[in-house]
Amino acid sequence: GSGKSMLFKCLCGFIQPTSGKIWVFEEEIKYGKFPKN
């Protein structure tokens, strides 16, 4: 419940963050967009 799984799911595009940005291999990850590779 500390937030580890929530962070991982946001990084994968599974959960929409309230604010902020994520990049994976220089590609910005949006909610519902699973990162390549």
PDB file of all heavy atoms in Angstrom:
ATOM      1  N   GLY A   1       0.784  -1.227   0.000  1.00  0.00           N
ATOM      2  CA  GLY A   1       0.000   0.000   0.000  1.00  0.00           C
ATOM      3  C   GLY A   1       0.812   1.272   0.000  1.00  0.00           C
ATOM      4  O   GLY A   1       0.260   2.378   0.041  1.00  0.00           O
ATOM      5  N   SER A   2       2.148   1.138  -0.083  1.00  0.00           N
ATOM      6  CA  SER A   2       2.997   2.337  -0.042  1.00  0.00           C
ATOM      7  C   SER A   2       3.011   3.089  -1.365  1.00  0.00           C
ATOM      8  O   SER A   2       3.390   4.256  -1.414  1.00  0.00           O
ATOM      9  CB  SER A   2       4.433   1.951   0.342  1.00  0.00           C
ATOM     10  OG  SER A   2       4.998   1.089  -0.633  1.00  0.00           O
ATOM     11  N   GLY A   3       2.630   2.401  -2.466  1.00  0.00           N
ATOM     12  CA  GLY A   3       2.595   3.064  -3.770  1.00  0.00           C
ATOM     13  C   GLY A   3       3.470   2.433  -4.826  1.00  0.00           C
ATOM     14  O   GLY A   3       3.486   2.887  -5.976  1.00  0.00           O
ATOM     15  N   LYS A   4       4.189   1.353  -4.492  1.00  0.00           N
ATOM     16  CA  LYS A   4       5.105   0.727  -5.455  1.00  0.00           C
ATOM     17  C   LYS A   4       4.357   0.227  -6.690  1.00  0.00           C
ATOM     18  O   LYS A   4       4.743   0.527  -7.826  1.00  0.00           O
ATOM     19  CB  LYS A   4       5.870  -0.430  -4.808  1.00  0.00           C
ATOM     20  CG  LYS A   4       6.679  -0.086  -3.583  1.00  0.00           C
ATOM     21  CD  LYS A   4       7.546  -1.231  -3.116  1.00  0.00           C
ATOM     22  CE  LYS A   4       6.791  -2.534  -2.894  1.00  0.00           C
ATOM     23  NZ  LYS A   4       5.781  -2.441  -1.803  1.00  0.00           N
ATOM     24  N   SER A   5       3.318  -0.565  -6.455  1.00  0.00           N
ATOM     25  CA  SER A   5       2.570  -1.124  -7.584  1.00  0.00           C
ATOM     26  C   SER A   5       1.868  -0.032  -8.378  1.00  0.00           C
ATOM     27  O   SER A   5       1.773  -0.107  -9.609  1.00  0.00           O
ATOM     28  CB  SER A   5       1.555  -2.155  -7.084  1.00  0.00           C
ATOM     29  OG  SER A   5       2.208  -3.273  -6.519  1.00  0.00           O
ATOM     30  N   MET A   6       1.377   0.987  -7.697  1.00  0.00           N
ATOM     31  CA  MET A   6       0.739   2.117  -8.378  1.00  0.00           C
ATOM     32  C   MET A   6       1.735   2.801  -9.308  1.00  0.00           C
ATOM     33  O   MET A   6       1.414   3.130 -10.466  1.00  0.00           O
ATOM     34  CB  MET A   6       0.202   3.112  -7.352  1.00  0.00           C
ATOM     35  CG  MET A   6      -0.420   4.362  -7.951  1.00  0.00           C
ATOM     36  SD  MET A   6      -1.871   4.006  -8.964  1.00  0.00           S
ATOM     37  CE  MET A   6      -3.010   3.428  -7.697  1.00  0.00           C
ATOM     38  N   LEU A   7       2.960   3.007  -8.829  1.00  0.00           N
ATOM     39  CA  LEU A   7       3.993   3.617  -9.662  1.00  0.00           C
ATOM     40  C   LEU A   7       4.265   2.761 -10.882  1.00  0.00           C
ATOM     41  O   LEU A   7       4.293   3.263 -12.016  1.00  0.00           O
ATOM     42  CB  LEU A   7       5.276   3.796  -8.852  1.00  0.00           C
ATOM     43  CG  LEU A   7       6.505   4.265  -9.638  1.00  0.00           C
ATOM     44  CD1 LEU A   7       6.265   5.625 -10.279  1.00  0.00           C
ATOM     45  CD2 LEU A   7       7.740   4.293  -8.746  1.00  0.00           C
ATOM     46  N   PHE A   8       4.444   1.452 -10.687  1.00  0.00           N
ATOM     47  CA  PHE A   8       4.740   0.563 -11.806  1.00  0.00           C
ATOM     48  C   PHE A   8       3.619   0.592 -12.841  1.00  0.00           C
ATOM     49  O   PHE A   8       3.868   0.605 -14.048  1.00  0.00           O
ATOM     50  CB  PHE A   8       4.953  -0.862 -11.296  1.00  0.00           C
ATOM     51  CG  PHE A   8       6.310  -1.112 -10.687  1.00  0.00           C
ATOM     52  CD1 PHE A   8       7.233  -0.087 -10.526  1.00  0.00           C
ATOM     53  CD2 PHE A   8       6.669  -2.381 -10.265  1.00  0.00           C
ATOM     54  CE1 PHE A   8       8.485  -0.319  -9.961  1.00  0.00           C
ATOM     55  CE2 PHE A   8       7.915  -2.632  -9.709  1.00  0.00           C
ATOM     56  CZ  PHE A   8       8.825  -1.597  -9.559  1.00  0.00           C
ATOM     57  N   LYS A   9       2.381   0.605 -12.386  1.00  0.00           N
ATOM     58  CA  LYS A   9       1.247   0.591 -13.323  1.00  0.00           C
ATOM     59  C   LYS A   9       1.137   1.911 -14.081  1.00  0.00           C
ATOM     60  O   LYS A   9       0.749   1.920 -15.255  1.00  0.00           O
ATOM     61  CB  LYS A   9      -0.044   0.275 -12.571  1.00  0.00           C
ATOM     62  CG  LYS A   9      -0.097  -1.186 -12.124  1.00  0.00           C
ATOM     63  CD  LYS A   9      -1.321  -1.500 -11.277  1.00  0.00           C
ATOM     64  CE  LYS A   9      -1.303  -2.965 -10.848  1.00  0.00           C
ATOM     65  NZ  LYS A   9      -2.425  -3.315  -9.959  1.00  0.00           N
ATOM     66  N   CYS A  10       1.498   3.011 -13.445  1.00  0.00           N
ATOM     67  CA  CYS A  10       1.538   4.296 -14.162  1.00  0.00           C
ATOM     68  C   CYS A  10       2.633   4.279 -15.220  1.00  0.00           C
ATOM     69  O   CYS A  10       2.436   4.766 -16.343  1.00  0.00           O
ATOM     70  CB  CYS A  10       1.772   5.446 -13.187  1.00  0.00           C
ATOM     71  SG  CYS A  10       0.348   5.909 -12.184  1.00  0.00           S
ATOM     72  N   LEU A  11       3.801   3.712 -14.886  1.00  0.00           N
ATOM     73  CA  LEU A  11       4.911   3.654 -15.834  1.00  0.00           C
ATOM     74  C   LEU A  11       4.547   2.840 -17.076  1.00  0.00           C
ATOM     75  O   LEU A  11       5.063   3.096 -18.163  1.00  0.00           O
ATOM     76  CB  LEU A  11       6.144   3.047 -15.172  1.00  0.00           C
ATOM     77  CG  LEU A  11       6.744   3.809 -13.980  1.00  0.00           C
ATOM     78  CD1 LEU A  11       7.939   3.058 -13.419  1.00  0.00           C
ATOM     79  CD2 LEU A  11       7.137   5.225 -14.365  1.00  0.00           C
ATOM     80  N   CYS A  12       3.657   1.867 -16.900  1.00  0.00           N
ATOM     81  CA  CYS A  12       3.234   1.013 -18.017  1.00  0.00           C
ATOM     82  C   CYS A  12       2.057   1.590 -18.791  1.00  0.00           C
ATOM     83  O   CYS A  12       1.629   0.990 -19.792  1.00  0.00           O
ATOM     84  CB  CYS A  12       2.852  -0.367 -17.496  1.00  0.00           C
ATOM     85  SG  CYS A  12       4.216  -1.292 -16.775  1.00  0.00           S
ATOM     86  N   GLY A  13       1.511   2.709 -18.356  1.00  0.00           N
ATOM     87  CA  GLY A  13       0.368   3.298 -19.036  1.00  0.00           C
ATOM     88  C   GLY A  13      -0.962   2.689 -18.634  1.00  0.00           C
ATOM     89  O   GLY A  13      -1.988   2.955 -19.263  1.00  0.00           O
ATOM     90  N   PHE A  14      -0.972   1.871 -17.565  1.00  0.00           N
ATOM     91  CA  PHE A  14      -2.202   1.202 -17.145  1.00  0.00           C
ATOM     92  C   PHE A  14      -3.106   2.100 -16.297  1.00  0.00           C
ATOM     93  O   PHE A  14      -4.321   1.883 -16.243  1.00  0.00           O
ATOM     94  CB  PHE A  14      -1.881  -0.060 -16.332  1.00  0.00           C
ATOM     95  CG  PHE A  14      -1.215  -1.137 -17.127  1.00  0.00           C
ATOM     96  CD1 PHE A  14      -0.487  -2.140 -16.485  1.00  0.00           C
ATOM     97  CD2 PHE A  14      -1.304  -1.190 -18.509  1.00  0.00           C
ATOM     98  CE1 PHE A  14       0.131  -3.151 -17.205  1.00  0.00           C
ATOM     99  CE2 PHE A  14      -0.677  -2.187 -19.246  1.00  0.00           C
ATOM    100  CZ  PHE A  14       0.038  -3.170 -18.582  1.00  0.00           C
ATOM    101  N   ILE A  15      -2.502   3.051 -15.604  1.00  0.00           N
ATOM    102  CA  ILE A  15      -3.254   3.960 -14.733  1.00  0.00           C
ATOM    103  C   ILE A  15      -2.874   5.388 -15.089  1.00  0.00           C
ATOM    104  O   ILE A  15      -1.699   5.692 -15.311  1.00  0.00           O
ATOM    105  CB  ILE A  15      -2.964   3.673 -13.244  1.00  0.00           C
ATOM    106  CG1 ILE A  15      -3.576   2.318 -12.855  1.00  0.00           C
ATOM    107  CG2 ILE A  15      -3.498   4.784 -12.349  1.00  0.00           C
ATOM    108  CD1 ILE A  15      -3.324   1.910 -11.424  1.00  0.00           C
ATOM    109  N   GLN A  16      -3.870   6.245 -15.132  1.00  0.00           N
ATOM    110  CA  GLN A  16      -3.633   7.640 -15.503  1.00  0.00           C
ATOM    111  C   GLN A  16      -3.208   8.441 -14.278  1.00  0.00           C
ATOM    112  O   GLN A  16      -3.955   8.531 -13.301  1.00  0.00           O
ATOM    113  CB  GLN A  16      -4.899   8.256 -16.103  1.00  0.00           C
ATOM    114  CG  GLN A  16      -4.686   9.664 -16.638  1.00  0.00           C
ATOM    115  CD  GLN A  16      -5.871  10.148 -17.438  1.00  0.00           C
ATOM    116  OE1 GLN A  16      -6.956   9.594 -17.359  1.00  0.00           O
ATOM    117  NE2 GLN A  16      -5.676  11.184 -18.226  1.00  0.00           N
ATOM    118  N   PRO A  17      -2.014   9.025 -14.307  1.00  0.00           N
ATOM    119  CA  PRO A  17      -1.613   9.875 -13.179  1.00  0.00           C
ATOM    120  C   PRO A  17      -2.430  11.154 -13.124  1.00  0.00           C
ATOM    121  O   PRO A  17      -2.983  11.592 -14.140  1.00  0.00           O
ATOM    122  CB  PRO A  17      -0.134  10.158 -13.463  1.00  0.00           C
ATOM    123  CG  PRO A  17       0.035   9.957 -14.928  1.00  0.00           C
ATOM    124  CD  PRO A  17      -0.976   8.941 -15.349  1.00  0.00           C
ATOM    125  N   THR A  18      -2.501  11.742 -11.953  1.00  0.00           N
ATOM    126  CA  THR A  18      -3.205  13.011 -11.796  1.00  0.00           C
ATOM    127  C   THR A  18      -2.425  14.150 -12.439  1.00  0.00           C
ATOM    128  O   THR A  18      -3.001  15.055 -13.043  1.00  0.00           O
ATOM    129  CB  THR A  18      -3.436  13.299 -10.297  1.00  0.00           C
ATOM    130  OG1 THR A  18      -4.138  12.186  -9.719  1.00  0.00           O
ATOM    131  CG2 THR A  18      -4.256  14.563 -10.100  1.00  0.00           C
ATOM    132  N   SER A  19      -1.105  14.076 -12.339  1.00  0.00           N
ATOM    133  CA  SER A  19      -0.249  15.097 -12.954  1.00  0.00           C
ATOM    134  C   SER A  19       1.138  14.507 -13.171  1.00  0.00           C
ATOM    135  O   SER A  19       1.470  13.442 -12.654  1.00  0.00           O
ATOM    136  CB  SER A  19      -0.166  16.347 -12.071  1.00  0.00           C
ATOM    137  OG  SER A  19       0.371  16.023 -10.790  1.00  0.00           O
ATOM    138  N   GLY A  20       1.949  15.224 -13.945  1.00  0.00           N
ATOM    139  CA  GLY A  20       3.310  14.787 -14.205  1.00  0.00           C
ATOM    140  C   GLY A  20       3.458  14.077 -15.539  1.00  0.00           C
ATOM    141  O   GLY A  20       2.482  13.854 -16.269  1.00  0.00           O
ATOM    142  N   LYS A  21       4.706  13.738 -15.865  1.00  0.00           N
ATOM    143  CA  LYS A  21       5.013  13.117 -17.152  1.00  0.00           C
ATOM    144  C   LYS A  21       5.933  11.911 -16.972  1.00  0.00           C
ATOM    145  O   LYS A  21       6.709  11.825 -16.013  1.00  0.00           O
ATOM    146  CB  LYS A  21       5.669  14.131 -18.094  1.00  0.00           C
ATOM    147  CG  LYS A  21       4.716  15.249 -18.525  1.00  0.00           C
ATOM    148  CD  LYS A  21       5.339  16.121 -19.603  1.00  0.00           C
ATOM    149  CE  LYS A  21       4.345  17.163 -20.104  1.00  0.00           C
ATOM    150  NZ  LYS A  21       4.884  17.963 -21.223  1.00  0.00           N
ATOM    151  N   ILE A  22       5.818  10.990 -17.942  1.00  0.00           N
ATOM    152  CA  ILE A  22       6.621   9.766 -17.961  1.00  0.00           C
ATOM    153  C   ILE A  22       7.208   9.605 -19.358  1.00  0.00           C
ATOM    154  O   ILE A  22       6.498   9.768 -20.360  1.00  0.00           O
ATOM    155  CB  ILE A  22       5.763   8.523 -17.650  1.00  0.00           C
ATOM    156  CG1 ILE A  22       5.066   8.659 -16.293  1.00  0.00           C
ATOM    157  CG2 ILE A  22       6.596   7.240 -17.704  1.00  0.00           C
ATOM    158  CD1 ILE A  22       3.924   7.677 -16.090  1.00  0.00           C
ATOM    159  N   TRP A  23       8.496   9.281 -19.409  1.00  0.00           N
ATOM    160  CA  TRP A  23       9.125   8.945 -20.686  1.00  0.00           C
ATOM    161  C   TRP A  23       9.785   7.573 -20.572  1.00  0.00           C
ATOM    162  O   TRP A  23      10.459   7.289 -19.579  1.00  0.00           O
ATOM    163  CB  TRP A  23      10.202   9.957 -21.072  1.00  0.00           C
ATOM    164  CG  TRP A  23       9.696  11.336 -21.358  1.00  0.00           C
ATOM    165  CD1 TRP A  23       9.316  11.844 -22.571  1.00  0.00           C
ATOM    166  CD2 TRP A  23       9.541  12.405 -20.415  1.00  0.00           C
ATOM    167  NE1 TRP A  23       8.922  13.154 -22.431  1.00  0.00           N
ATOM    168  CE2 TRP A  23       9.047  13.528 -21.121  1.00  0.00           C
ATOM    169  CE3 TRP A  23       9.745  12.520 -19.041  1.00  0.00           C
ATOM    170  CZ2 TRP A  23       8.776  14.733 -20.500  1.00  0.00           C
ATOM    171  CZ3 TRP A  23       9.474  13.719 -18.407  1.00  0.00           C
ATOM    172  CH2 TRP A  23       8.998  14.820 -19.143  1.00  0.00           C
ATOM    173  N   VAL A  24       9.589   6.737 -21.574  1.00  0.00           N
ATOM    174  CA  VAL A  24      10.270   5.447 -21.667  1.00  0.00           C
ATOM    175  C   VAL A  24      10.949   5.400 -23.030  1.00  0.00           C
ATOM    176  O   VAL A  24      10.294   5.555 -24.065  1.00  0.00           O
ATOM    177  CB  VAL A  24       9.285   4.275 -21.515  1.00  0.00           C
ATOM    178  CG1 VAL A  24      10.014   2.948 -21.710  1.00  0.00           C
ATOM    179  CG2 VAL A  24       8.610   4.311 -20.140  1.00  0.00           C
ATOM    180  N   PHE A  25      12.262   5.240 -23.010  1.00  0.00           N
ATOM    181  CA  PHE A  25      13.064   5.305 -24.239  1.00  0.00           C
ATOM    182  C   PHE A  25      12.734   6.596 -25.012  1.00  0.00           C
ATOM    183  O   PHE A  25      12.514   6.579 -26.222  1.00  0.00           O
ATOM    184  CB  PHE A  25      12.836   4.076 -25.121  1.00  0.00           C
ATOM    185  CG  PHE A  25      13.250   2.790 -24.461  1.00  0.00           C
ATOM    186  CD1 PHE A  25      12.299   1.853 -24.074  1.00  0.00           C
ATOM    187  CD2 PHE A  25      14.585   2.519 -24.202  1.00  0.00           C
ATOM    188  CE1 PHE A  25      12.677   0.670 -23.448  1.00  0.00           C
ATOM    189  CE2 PHE A  25      14.968   1.345 -23.585  1.00  0.00           C
ATOM    190  CZ  PHE A  25      14.006   0.413 -23.207  1.00  0.00           C
ATOM    191  N   GLU A  26      12.676   7.704 -24.277  1.00  0.00           N
ATOM    192  CA  GLU A  26      12.477   9.062 -24.804  1.00  0.00           C
ATOM    193  C   GLU A  26      11.090   9.285 -25.411  1.00  0.00           C
ATOM    194  O   GLU A  26      10.835  10.333 -26.003  1.00  0.00           O
ATOM    195  CB  GLU A  26      13.563   9.414 -25.832  1.00  0.00           C
ATOM    196  CG  GLU A  26      14.972   9.374 -25.244  1.00  0.00           C
ATOM    197  CD  GLU A  26      16.035   9.785 -26.253  1.00  0.00           C
ATOM    198  OE1 GLU A  26      15.755   9.751 -27.466  1.00  0.00           O
ATOM    199  OE2 GLU A  26      17.146  10.149 -25.813  1.00  0.00           O
ATOM    200  N   GLU A  27      10.205   8.305 -25.269  1.00  0.00           N
ATOM    201  CA  GLU A  27       8.844   8.468 -25.766  1.00  0.00           C
ATOM    202  C   GLU A  27       7.912   8.745 -24.587  1.00  0.00           C
ATOM    203  O   GLU A  27       7.900   7.994 -23.607  1.00  0.00           O
ATOM    204  CB  GLU A  27       8.382   7.203 -26.499  1.00  0.00           C
ATOM    205  CG  GLU A  27       6.984   7.320 -27.075  1.00  0.00           C
ATOM    206  CD  GLU A  27       6.561   6.077 -27.841  1.00  0.00           C
ATOM    207  OE1 GLU A  27       7.289   5.064 -27.796  1.00  0.00           O
ATOM    208  OE2 GLU A  27       5.506   6.119 -28.486  1.00  0.00           O
ATOM    209  N   GLU A  28       7.140   9.827 -24.688  1.00  0.00           N
ATOM    210  CA  GLU A  28       6.239  10.152 -23.590  1.00  0.00           C
ATOM    211  C   GLU A  28       5.105   9.135 -23.533  1.00  0.00           C
ATOM    212  O   GLU A  28       4.488   8.796 -24.541  1.00  0.00           O
ATOM    213  CB  GLU A  28       5.663  11.562 -23.749  1.00  0.00           C
ATOM    214  CG  GLU A  28       4.839  11.988 -22.543  1.00  0.00           C
ATOM    215  CD  GLU A  28       4.389  13.441 -22.595  1.00  0.00           C
ATOM    216  OE1 GLU A  28       4.834  14.178 -23.505  1.00  0.00           O
ATOM    217  OE2 GLU A  28       3.580  13.820 -21.741  1.00  0.00           O
ATOM    218  N   ILE A  29       4.861   8.633 -22.314  1.00  0.00           N
ATOM    219  CA  ILE A  29       3.852   7.594 -22.111  1.00  0.00           C
ATOM    220  C   ILE A  29       2.564   8.227 -21.580  1.00  0.00           C
ATOM    221  O   ILE A  29       2.571   8.903 -20.555  1.00  0.00           O
ATOM    222  CB  ILE A  29       4.362   6.524 -21.123  1.00  0.00           C
ATOM    223  CG1 ILE A  29       5.645   5.886 -21.657  1.00  0.00           C
ATOM    224  CG2 ILE A  29       3.296   5.463 -20.883  1.00  0.00           C
ATOM    225  CD1 ILE A  29       5.555   5.303 -23.041  1.00  0.00           C
ATOM    226  N   LYS A  30       1.496   7.997 -22.296  1.00  0.00           N
ATOM    227  CA  LYS A  30       0.177   8.469 -21.885  1.00  0.00           C
ATOM    228  C   LYS A  30      -0.645   7.283 -21.389  1.00  0.00           C
ATOM    229  O   LYS A  30      -0.359   6.126 -21.696  1.00  0.00           O
ATOM    230  CB  LYS A  30      -0.546   9.137 -23.060  1.00  0.00           C
ATOM    231  CG  LYS A  30       0.198  10.318 -23.673  1.00  0.00           C
ATOM    232  CD  LYS A  30       0.155  11.532 -22.778  1.00  0.00           C
ATOM    233  CE  LYS A  30       0.703  12.757 -23.492  1.00  0.00           C
ATOM    234  NZ  LYS A  30       0.659  13.968 -22.643  1.00  0.00           N
ATOM    235  N   TYR A  31      -1.706   7.578 -20.665  1.00  0.00           N
ATOM    236  CA  TYR A  31      -2.614   6.540 -20.189  1.00  0.00           C
ATOM    237  C   TYR A  31      -3.165   5.731 -21.360  1.00  0.00           C
ATOM    238  O   TYR A  31      -3.625   6.290 -22.351  1.00  0.00           O
ATOM    239  CB  TYR A  31      -3.758   7.188 -19.409  1.00  0.00           C
ATOM    240  CG  TYR A  31      -4.881   6.254 -19.043  1.00  0.00           C
ATOM    241  CD1 TYR A  31      -4.645   5.120 -18.275  1.00  0.00           C
ATOM    242  CD2 TYR A  31      -6.175   6.512 -19.476  1.00  0.00           C
ATOM    243  CE1 TYR A  31      -5.673   4.264 -17.937  1.00  0.00           C
ATOM    244  CE2 TYR A  31      -7.215   5.667 -19.136  1.00  0.00           C
ATOM    245  CZ  TYR A  31      -6.959   4.539 -18.365  1.00  0.00           C
ATOM    246  OH  TYR A  31      -7.987   3.695 -18.048  1.00  0.00           O
ATOM    247  N   GLY A  32      -3.075   4.414 -21.251  1.00  0.00           N
ATOM    248  CA  GLY A  32      -3.578   3.534 -22.299  1.00  0.00           C
ATOM    249  C   GLY A  32      -2.581   3.255 -23.407  1.00  0.00           C
ATOM    250  O   GLY A  32      -2.881   2.507 -24.334  1.00  0.00           O
ATOM    251  N   LYS A  33      -1.392   3.835 -23.313  1.00  0.00           N
ATOM    252  CA  LYS A  33      -0.361   3.634 -24.333  1.00  0.00           C
ATOM    253  C   LYS A  33       0.772   2.815 -23.727  1.00  0.00           C
ATOM    254  O   LYS A  33       1.579   3.328 -22.961  1.00  0.00           O
ATOM    255  CB  LYS A  33       0.160   4.982 -24.840  1.00  0.00           C
ATOM    256  CG  LYS A  33       1.230   4.870 -25.912  1.00  0.00           C
ATOM    257  CD  LYS A  33       1.690   6.245 -26.359  1.00  0.00           C
ATOM    258  CE  LYS A  33       2.735   6.161 -27.449  1.00  0.00           C
ATOM    259  NZ  LYS A  33       3.203   7.502 -27.883  1.00  0.00           N
ATOM    260  N   PHE A  34       0.814   1.539 -24.058  1.00  0.00           N
ATOM    261  CA  PHE A  34       1.819   0.656 -23.480  1.00  0.00           C
ATOM    262  C   PHE A  34       3.177   0.928 -24.118  1.00  0.00           C
ATOM    263  O   PHE A  34       3.286   0.964 -25.341  1.00  0.00           O
ATOM    264  CB  PHE A  34       1.417  -0.805 -23.713  1.00  0.00           C
ATOM    265  CG  PHE A  34       2.294  -1.797 -23.009  1.00  0.00           C
ATOM    266  CD1 PHE A  34       2.202  -1.977 -21.643  1.00  0.00           C
ATOM    267  CD2 PHE A  34       3.214  -2.557 -23.716  1.00  0.00           C
ATOM    268  CE1 PHE A  34       3.005  -2.899 -20.995  1.00  0.00           C
ATOM    269  CE2 PHE A  34       4.025  -3.472 -23.082  1.00  0.00           C
ATOM    270  CZ  PHE A  34       3.914  -3.642 -21.712  1.00  0.00           C
ATOM    271  N   PRO A  35       4.213   1.135 -23.307  1.00  0.00           N
ATOM    272  CA  PRO A  35       5.534   1.452 -23.879  1.00  0.00           C
ATOM    273  C   PRO A  35       6.073   0.326 -24.747  1.00  0.00           C
ATOM    274  O   PRO A  35       5.855  -0.860 -24.485  1.00  0.00           O
ATOM    275  CB  PRO A  35       6.408   1.630 -22.624  1.00  0.00           C
ATOM    276  CG  PRO A  35       5.455   1.908 -21.513  1.00  0.00           C
ATOM    277  CD  PRO A  35       4.220   1.149 -21.844  1.00  0.00           C
ATOM    278  N   LYS A  36       6.796   0.715 -25.778  1.00  0.00           N
ATOM    279  CA  LYS A  36       7.461  -0.261 -26.636  1.00  0.00           C
ATOM    280  C   LYS A  36       8.670  -0.842 -25.900  1.00  0.00           C
ATOM    281  O   LYS A  36       9.277  -0.197 -25.060  1.00  0.00           O
ATOM    282  CB  LYS A  36       7.927   0.406 -27.934  1.00  0.00           C
ATOM    283  CG  LYS A  36       6.790   0.939 -28.797  1.00  0.00           C
ATOM    284  CD  LYS A  36       7.326   1.671 -30.012  1.00  0.00           C
ATOM    285  CE  LYS A  36       6.206   2.277 -30.853  1.00  0.00           C
ATOM    286  NZ  LYS A  36       6.723   3.054 -32.002  1.00  0.00           N
ATOM    287  N   ASN A  37       9.004  -2.072 -26.263  1.00  0.00           N
ATOM    288  CA  ASN A  37      10.211  -2.724 -25.760  1.00  0.00           C
ATOM    289  C   ASN A  37      10.210  -2.884 -24.245  1.00  0.00           C
ATOM    290  O   ASN A  37      11.230  -2.753 -23.580  1.00  0.00           O
ATOM    291  CB  ASN A  37      11.454  -1.942 -26.196  1.00  0.00           C
ATOM    292  CG  ASN A  37      12.583  -2.872 -26.616  1.00  0.00           C
ATOM    293  OD1 ASN A  37      12.542  -4.075 -26.380  1.00  0.00           O
ATOM    294  ND2 ASN A  37      13.597  -2.314 -27.240  1.00  0.00           N
TER     295      ASN A  37
END
